[in-house]
Protein backbone atom coordinates (compact mmCIF):
# COMPACT_ATOMS: atom_id res chain seq x y z
CA MET A 1 -15.81 20.52 24.81
CA PRO A 2 -14.92 17.43 27.05
CA PHE A 3 -11.88 17.05 27.74
CA THR A 4 -9.75 13.62 27.42
CA LYS A 5 -8.07 11.71 30.87
CA GLU A 6 -5.06 13.41 29.25
CA SER A 7 -6.33 16.90 28.64
CA PHE A 8 -7.64 17.67 32.00
CA GLY A 9 -4.71 16.47 33.88
CA ASN A 10 -2.58 19.17 31.49
CA ALA A 11 -5.33 21.68 32.06
CA PHE A 12 -5.44 20.74 35.83
CA SER A 13 -1.77 20.63 36.29
CA GLU A 14 -1.62 23.91 34.68
CA ALA A 15 -3.74 25.45 36.59
CA ALA A 16 -2.43 24.68 39.64
CA ARG A 17 0.77 25.58 38.35
CA GLN A 18 -0.73 29.51 37.69
CA CYS A 19 -2.08 29.33 41.96
CA GLY A 20 1.46 28.38 43.03
CA ILE A 21 0.49 24.33 43.57
CA ASN A 22 2.67 21.94 42.20
CA LYS A 23 -0.10 18.75 41.79
CA SER A 24 -1.62 16.82 39.65
CA ALA A 25 -4.95 15.45 38.97
CA HIS A 26 -4.67 12.37 39.39
CA GLY A 27 -5.30 13.28 43.85
CA VAL A 28 -8.38 14.35 42.18
CA ARG A 29 -9.73 11.63 40.65
CA LYS A 30 -7.93 9.62 43.69
CA ILE A 31 -10.15 10.98 46.25
CA ALA A 32 -13.37 10.64 43.58
CA ALA A 33 -13.02 7.26 44.20
CA THR A 34 -12.45 7.31 47.59
CA ILE A 35 -15.69 9.14 48.36
CA ALA A 36 -17.59 6.33 45.27
CA ALA A 37 -16.32 3.83 46.85
CA GLU A 38 -17.25 4.59 50.30
CA ASN A 39 -20.34 5.96 50.00
CA GLY A 40 -21.19 2.46 48.52
CA ALA A 41 -20.49 2.75 44.35
CA THR A 42 -19.43 -1.20 43.02
CA ALA A 43 -16.65 -2.25 41.26
CA HIS A 44 -18.27 -1.80 37.83
CA GLN A 45 -19.96 1.22 38.58
CA LEU A 46 -16.43 3.13 39.38
CA MET A 47 -15.36 1.56 36.20
CA ALA A 48 -17.76 3.45 34.50
CA ILE A 49 -17.74 7.24 36.51
CA PHE A 50 -13.70 6.86 34.92
CA GLY A 51 -13.46 4.67 32.61
CA TRP A 52 -11.36 2.06 33.89
CA THR A 53 -11.23 -0.86 31.57
CA ASN A 54 -10.18 -3.46 34.44
CA ILE A 55 -12.01 -4.31 37.37
CA ARG A 56 -8.33 -4.46 39.19
CA GLN A 57 -8.19 -0.98 39.92
CA ALA A 58 -11.39 -0.10 40.59
CA GLU A 59 -10.90 -2.92 43.16
CA VAL A 60 -8.84 -1.06 44.86
CA TYR A 61 -11.01 1.42 45.76
CA THR A 62 -13.86 -1.13 46.62
CA ARG A 63 -12.07 -3.17 48.99
CA GLU A 64 -10.44 -0.44 50.87
CA ALA A 65 -14.31 1.23 51.39
CA GLU A 66 -15.18 -2.74 52.06
CA ARG A 67 -12.45 -3.11 55.10
CA ALA A 68 -13.63 0.23 56.37
CA ARG A 69 -16.79 -0.70 56.58
CA LEU A 70 -16.57 -4.26 58.21
CA ALA A 71 -13.92 -2.39 60.97
CA ALA A 72 -16.62 -0.19 62.17
CA GLN A 73 -19.63 -2.77 62.10
CA GLY A 74 -17.34 -5.18 63.61
CA ILE A 75 -15.45 -3.21 66.56
CA GLY A 76 -18.49 -3.75 68.81
CA THR A 77 -17.35 -7.37 68.63
CA LEU A 78 -14.79 -6.44 71.40
CA ASP A 79 -17.32 -4.58 73.66
CA GLU A 80 -16.41 -6.09 76.71
CA THR A 81 -19.29 -5.54 78.52
CA ARG A 82 -21.44 -7.79 76.18
CA THR A 83 -18.50 -10.66 76.97
CA SER A 84 -15.26 -11.36 78.58
CA ILE A 85 -12.63 -14.25 78.74
CA PRO A 86 -12.40 -14.69 82.53
CA ALA A 87 -9.06 -14.37 83.82
CA PRO A 88 -8.00 -17.84 84.67
CA LYS A 89 -8.33 -19.15 88.22
CA GLY A 90 -4.84 -20.53 89.48
CA LYS A 91 -1.32 -19.79 89.07
CA VAL A 92 -0.69 -19.84 85.34
CA ARG A 93 3.55 -20.05 85.26
CA ALA A 94 6.05 -19.54 88.19
CA SER A 95 7.16 -16.15 88.56
CA GLY A 96 10.20 -15.82 85.62
CA GLU A 97 9.49 -19.03 83.98
CA LYS A 98 9.77 -18.14 80.71
CA GLU A 99 8.11 -20.56 77.36
């Protein structure tokens, strides 16, 4: 018989306690949603997988995954061997002078 979200949470917590671990099933759902989003799941796919009815919950995970993907793709733009900003040729300001 399938679990409801609440009954699974209770069963998981009980099993964890029997193993000497004081944790809940929330962390399992969170890591599963994180992994799915990092593997390219859309917000609507996450909603279907986890039974969410509000897209805002799913977008928490897709935003984080997208930010990580964009950072990984964009980090190469900071490669100093491709382009660099030339140093000023003259004196920028006098020694000890504050702006």
